[in-house]
Amino acid sequence: MPERNIAFREHLAHTGTVIQYNRLLCTHIAIHEAMIVQVHYGKKILRWAGKEQIVRAGEAVALARWQSFDVLNEPDAQAGYYQAEWIALEQRMIEQFTEQYGQAEAANDVYLLPKNADFSASFRQAAHAVSDRHVPDMVVQTRLQELLAWLKHYGTGFLPYQRIGPVQKITQIIAADIGREWSAQEIAVRLNVSEATLRRKLAEEQTSFRRLLTDIRMTHALTLLQVTEQPVSQIAYAMGYESPSRFTARFRERFGFAPSAIRKQQEKGG
């Protein structure tokens, strides 16, 4: 059976293996980091701004950061599950690569990579290097640069420098300590603005502090459900919820299904 996995390499990248047994539509999923996703079983459907991109088994896609997608992961009919692997790159990695090798035309949103066995091998090696603590950081960095070199070869890449707004700045602050009991006042101090100014800026982007905080937590919880075997109660606690039932209710309100739907295997018809 396939195994879920998540691994971090500080200042370089993190990687995860997603296993999902049910066909579920997740709406307004924010991408905070530039990433490459390789689908192994099933297919991924991305929808945004009136566009759609299907990523089939054996294909990979590069996603620019600070975007929002409706994401549909569809299990393989024979295997009975959807499996994909992703590598999210730290911005410093992208900046260093660009300084050394120059920048190709950056992918504005989504770039479907041509099927290539050598690229797939590079992806597997990079994911393994990030996951294996015995691999030195310098080797991990080389593997990640190799992936960026493939993107450059295809005439695409990631933006090394990008101006971000208040929503993105708040997201970065909260994501660094997601279970903390954050307040709008504390975030305003971090951003060196008044609380009133913070709330006004968020209102201009059709959101609020409480709504943004909940969305960041629920999206991160979704990721943990996909890439780890942590119990729902443990994930709820990590997201700042003392009550798993309250967390489950908030999760269902956000996505339209319970946390257990991510992991529950489909019942085979007789």
Protein backbone atom coordinates (compact mmCIF):
# COMPACT_ATOMS: atom_id res chain seq x y z
CA MET A 1 0.00 0.00 0.00
CA PRO A 2 1.19 3.56 -0.67
CA GLU A 3 2.36 5.64 2.27
CA ARG A 4 1.75 9.28 3.09
CA ASN A 5 4.83 11.32 3.84
CA ILE A 6 5.95 14.86 4.58
CA ALA A 7 9.51 16.08 5.10
CA PHE A 8 11.16 19.47 5.60
CA ARG A 9 14.63 20.73 4.81
CA GLU A 10 15.10 24.16 6.40
CA HIS A 11 15.79 27.06 3.99
CA LEU A 12 15.61 24.70 0.99
CA ALA A 13 12.32 22.89 0.42
CA HIS A 14 9.71 20.53 1.76
CA THR A 15 8.03 17.58 0.11
CA GLY A 16 4.91 15.54 0.62
CA THR A 17 3.20 12.42 -0.72
CA VAL A 18 -0.58 12.80 -1.01
CA ILE A 19 -2.85 9.76 -0.76
CA GLN A 20 -6.58 10.30 -1.25
CA TYR A 21 -9.27 7.63 -1.69
CA ASN A 22 -12.28 9.74 -2.60
CA ARG A 23 -13.04 12.16 -5.42
CA LEU A 24 -13.28 15.44 -3.54
CA LEU A 25 -13.45 19.03 -4.76
CA CYS A 26 -11.53 21.49 -2.58
CA THR A 27 -12.34 25.10 -3.42
CA HIS A 28 -10.19 28.22 -3.10
CA ILE A 29 -6.98 26.43 -2.14
CA ALA A 30 -4.23 29.01 -1.70
CA ILE A 31 -0.71 28.16 -2.90
CA HIS A 32 1.80 29.98 -0.70
CA GLU A 33 5.01 28.60 -2.21
CA ALA A 34 6.26 27.79 -5.68
CA MET A 35 5.90 24.06 -6.17
CA ILE A 36 6.14 21.17 -8.58
CA VAL A 37 3.54 18.39 -8.38
CA GLN A 38 4.05 14.94 -9.94
CA VAL A 39 0.93 12.76 -10.24
CA HIS A 40 1.50 9.00 -9.89
CA TYR A 41 -2.04 7.57 -9.81
CA GLY A 42 -5.32 9.18 -10.81
CA LYS A 43 -5.47 12.75 -12.00
CA LYS A 44 -5.50 16.28 -10.63
CA ILE A 45 -7.81 18.94 -12.05
CA LEU A 46 -6.97 22.58 -11.35
CA ARG A 47 -9.50 25.35 -12.01
CA TRP A 48 -8.88 29.08 -11.71
CA ALA A 49 -10.00 32.31 -13.39
CA GLY A 50 -12.14 30.46 -15.92
CA LYS A 51 -9.28 28.10 -16.85
CA GLU A 52 -8.74 24.40 -16.29
CA GLN A 53 -5.65 22.20 -16.29
CA ILE A 54 -5.75 18.41 -16.06
CA VAL A 55 -2.62 16.66 -14.77
CA ARG A 56 -2.70 12.93 -15.48
CA ALA A 57 -0.67 10.08 -14.03
CA GLY A 58 2.96 10.39 -15.13
CA GLU A 59 2.66 14.15 -15.67
CA ALA A 60 3.98 17.03 -13.58
CA VAL A 61 2.95 20.64 -13.20
CA ALA A 62 4.74 23.75 -11.92
CA LEU A 63 2.60 26.12 -9.82
CA ALA A 64 3.60 29.70 -9.13
CA ARG A 65 3.06 30.90 -5.56
CA TRP A 66 0.33 33.19 -4.21
CA GLN A 67 -2.47 31.73 -6.28
CA SER A 68 -5.82 30.18 -5.49
CA PHE A 69 -7.28 27.10 -7.19
CA ASP A 70 -10.27 24.83 -7.04
CA VAL A 71 -8.61 21.41 -6.84
CA LEU A 72 -10.17 18.07 -7.73
CA ASN A 73 -8.10 14.95 -7.01
CA GLU A 74 -9.59 11.97 -8.80
CA PRO A 75 -8.54 8.43 -7.74
CA ASP A 76 -7.31 5.91 -10.29
CA ALA A 77 -10.13 3.49 -11.13
CA GLN A 78 -7.97 0.38 -10.82
CA ALA A 79 -5.69 1.34 -7.93
CA GLY A 80 -8.59 2.88 -6.00
CA TYR A 81 -6.65 5.95 -4.84
CA TYR A 82 -5.08 9.20 -5.97
CA GLN A 83 -1.35 9.56 -5.32
CA ALA A 84 0.87 12.54 -6.03
CA GLU A 85 4.12 13.93 -4.76
CA TRP A 86 5.01 17.60 -4.45
CA ILE A 87 8.10 19.64 -3.76
CA ALA A 88 7.62 23.19 -2.47
CA LEU A 89 10.71 25.35 -2.84
CA GLU A 90 11.83 28.02 -0.42
CA GLN A 91 12.02 31.40 -2.11
CA ARG A 92 15.70 31.70 -1.24
CA MET A 93 16.43 28.67 -3.43
CA ILE A 94 14.73 30.34 -6.39
CA GLU A 95 16.56 33.62 -5.80
CA GLN A 96 19.95 31.90 -5.63
CA PHE A 97 19.29 29.90 -8.80
CA THR A 98 18.22 33.02 -10.69
CA GLU A 99 21.29 34.96 -9.56
CA GLN A 100 23.53 32.15 -10.79
CA TYR A 101 21.80 31.08 -14.01
CA GLY A 102 19.45 33.90 -14.96
CA GLN A 103 15.70 33.85 -15.26
CA ALA A 104 13.53 32.31 -17.95
CA GLU A 105 10.02 33.59 -18.54
CA ALA A 106 8.24 32.95 -15.26
CA ALA A 107 5.09 30.84 -15.14
CA ASN A 108 2.28 33.24 -14.25
CA ASP A 109 0.07 30.51 -12.84
CA VAL A 110 0.34 26.92 -14.09
CA TYR A 111 2.81 25.21 -16.40
CA LEU A 112 2.23 21.59 -17.47
CA LEU A 113 5.65 20.02 -17.98
CA PRO A 114 6.28 17.75 -20.97
CA LYS A 115 6.46 14.06 -20.10
CA ASN A 116 10.13 13.20 -19.72
CA ALA A 117 11.64 10.17 -17.98
CA ASP A 118 14.82 12.09 -17.10
CA PHE A 119 12.84 14.90 -15.47
CA SER A 120 10.78 12.35 -13.52
CA ALA A 121 14.00 10.74 -12.29
CA SER A 122 15.34 14.15 -11.22
CA PHE A 123 12.10 14.82 -9.35
CA ARG A 124 12.28 11.49 -7.51
CA GLN A 125 15.91 12.09 -6.56
CA ALA A 126 15.13 15.60 -5.30
CA ALA A 127 12.15 14.40 -3.22
CA HIS A 128 14.25 11.59 -1.76
CA ALA A 129 17.11 13.98 -0.95
CA VAL A 130 14.76 16.36 0.90
CA SER A 131 13.26 13.43 2.86
CA ASP A 132 16.48 11.60 3.76
CA ARG A 133 18.25 13.30 6.67
CA HIS A 134 21.47 11.47 5.77
CA VAL A 135 21.71 13.46 2.52
CA PRO A 136 23.77 16.64 3.12
CA ASP A 137 22.14 20.03 2.54
CA MET A 138 24.60 20.79 -0.25
CA VAL A 139 23.46 17.69 -2.14
CA VAL A 140 19.80 18.57 -1.53
CA GLN A 141 20.45 22.04 -2.91
CA THR A 142 22.07 20.55 -6.03
CA ARG A 143 19.07 18.26 -6.60
CA LEU A 144 16.67 21.18 -6.30
CA GLN A 145 18.75 23.30 -8.64
CA GLU A 146 18.56 20.46 -11.13
CA LEU A 147 14.76 20.69 -11.05
CA LEU A 148 14.91 24.45 -11.59
CA ALA A 149 17.32 23.82 -14.47
CA TRP A 150 14.72 21.56 -16.08
CA LEU A 151 12.14 24.34 -15.80
CA LYS A 152 14.57 26.79 -17.40
CA HIS A 153 15.20 24.25 -20.17
CA TYR A 154 11.46 24.24 -20.85
CA GLY A 155 11.45 28.04 -20.97
CA THR A 156 9.67 28.60 -17.69
CA GLY A 157 10.49 29.09 -14.01
CA PHE A 158 9.47 30.87 -10.83
CA LEU A 159 9.65 34.56 -9.99
CA PRO A 160 12.65 35.23 -7.74
CA TYR A 161 11.25 38.49 -6.36
CA GLN A 162 7.61 39.38 -5.91
CA ARG A 163 5.81 42.17 -4.10
CA ILE A 164 3.18 40.83 -1.75
CA GLY A 165 0.15 42.41 -0.13
CA PRO A 166 -1.26 42.30 3.40
CA VAL A 167 -3.01 38.92 2.96
CA GLN A 168 0.24 37.29 1.87
CA LYS A 169 2.23 38.94 4.67
CA ILE A 170 -0.29 37.81 7.28
CA THR A 171 -0.28 34.30 5.82
CA GLN A 172 3.50 34.08 6.19
CA ILE A 173 3.35 35.22 9.82
CA ILE A 174 0.55 32.84 10.82
CA ALA A 175 1.90 29.84 8.88
CA ALA A 176 5.18 30.08 10.82
CA ASP A 177 3.30 29.34 14.09
CA ILE A 178 -0.09 28.11 12.98
CA GLY A 179 -1.40 26.82 16.31
CA ARG A 180 -0.76 30.08 18.17
CA GLU A 181 -3.70 32.10 19.47
CA TRP A 182 -3.27 34.98 17.04
CA SER A 183 -5.08 38.30 17.35
CA ALA A 184 -5.55 41.08 14.83
CA GLN A 185 -3.81 43.44 17.25
CA GLU A 186 -0.69 41.26 17.39
CA ILE A 187 -0.54 40.93 13.61
CA ALA A 188 -0.95 44.70 13.23
CA VAL A 189 2.04 45.24 15.53
CA ARG A 190 4.09 42.77 13.45
CA LEU A 191 3.21 44.70 10.28
CA ASN A 192 3.76 48.09 11.94
CA VAL A 193 0.23 49.33 11.19
CA SER A 194 -2.79 50.12 13.36
CA GLU A 195 -5.39 47.43 13.90
CA ALA A 196 -7.97 49.64 12.16
CA THR A 197 -5.71 49.97 9.12
CA LEU A 198 -5.15 46.22 9.06
CA ARG A 199 -8.87 45.49 9.14
CA ARG A 200 -9.54 48.10 6.43
CA LYS A 201 -6.89 46.60 4.14
CA LEU A 202 -8.33 43.13 4.61
CA ALA A 203 -11.85 44.40 3.93
CA GLU A 204 -10.55 45.88 0.67
CA GLU A 205 -9.54 42.33 -0.30
CA GLN A 206 -13.00 40.97 0.63
CA THR A 207 -11.84 39.15 3.74
CA SER A 208 -11.41 39.64 7.49
CA PHE A 209 -8.76 38.65 10.01
CA ARG A 210 -10.85 35.87 11.55
CA ARG A 211 -11.84 34.48 8.17
CA LEU A 212 -8.24 34.55 6.91
CA LEU A 213 -6.92 32.89 10.07
CA THR A 214 -9.49 30.09 9.80
CA ASP A 215 -8.79 29.57 6.11
CA ILE A 216 -5.02 29.32 6.64
CA ARG A 217 -5.54 26.77 9.41
CA MET A 218 -8.10 24.69 7.51
CA THR A 219 -5.97 24.59 4.36
CA HIS A 220 -2.96 23.46 6.38
CA ALA A 221 -5.12 20.85 8.12
CA LEU A 222 -6.19 19.56 4.71
CA THR A 223 -2.54 19.12 3.76
CA LEU A 224 -1.79 17.22 6.98
CA LEU A 225 -4.73 14.91 6.35
CA GLN A 226 -3.39 14.18 2.87
CA VAL A 227 0.29 13.66 3.69
CA THR A 228 0.37 12.27 7.26
CA GLU A 229 -1.32 9.59 9.34
CA GLN A 230 -1.79 11.92 12.31
CA PRO A 231 -5.15 11.43 14.06
CA VAL A 232 -7.74 14.13 13.44
CA SER A 233 -7.61 15.05 17.13
CA GLN A 234 -3.86 15.71 16.89
CA ILE A 235 -4.30 17.84 13.76
CA ALA A 236 -7.10 19.77 15.46
CA TYR A 237 -4.84 20.54 18.42
CA ALA A 238 -1.99 21.60 16.09
CA MET A 239 -4.38 24.05 14.41
CA GLY A 240 -5.23 25.65 17.75
CA TYR A 241 -8.48 23.76 18.46
CA GLU A 242 -8.88 22.08 21.84
CA SER A 243 -12.10 20.39 20.68
CA PRO A 244 -11.81 17.93 17.75
CA SER A 245 -15.57 18.18 17.18
CA ARG A 246 -15.37 21.95 16.84
CA PHE A 247 -12.45 21.55 14.43
CA THR A 248 -14.41 18.98 12.39
CA ALA A 249 -17.41 21.30 12.19
CA ARG A 250 -15.23 24.20 11.02
CA PHE A 251 -13.46 21.95 8.50
CA ARG A 252 -16.79 20.72 7.09
CA GLU A 253 -18.03 24.30 6.90
CA ARG A 254 -14.93 25.28 4.91
CA PHE A 255 -14.69 22.34 2.49
CA GLY A 256 -18.13 20.71 2.47
CA PHE A 257 -16.93 17.32 3.75
CA ALA A 258 -15.55 15.87 7.00
CA PRO A 259 -11.81 15.37 7.62
CA SER A 260 -12.36 11.59 7.55
CA ALA A 261 -13.43 11.77 3.88
CA ILE A 262 -9.82 12.42 2.86
CA ARG A 263 -8.63 9.09 4.27
CA LYS A 264 -11.71 6.89 4.10
CA GLN A 265 -11.33 4.17 1.50
CA GLN A 266 -14.12 3.70 -0.99
CA GLU A 267 -16.33 0.71 -0.38
CA LYS A 268 -16.18 -1.75 -3.23
CA GLY A 269 -19.53 -2.57 -4.78
CA GLY A 270 -20.45 -6.23 -4.95
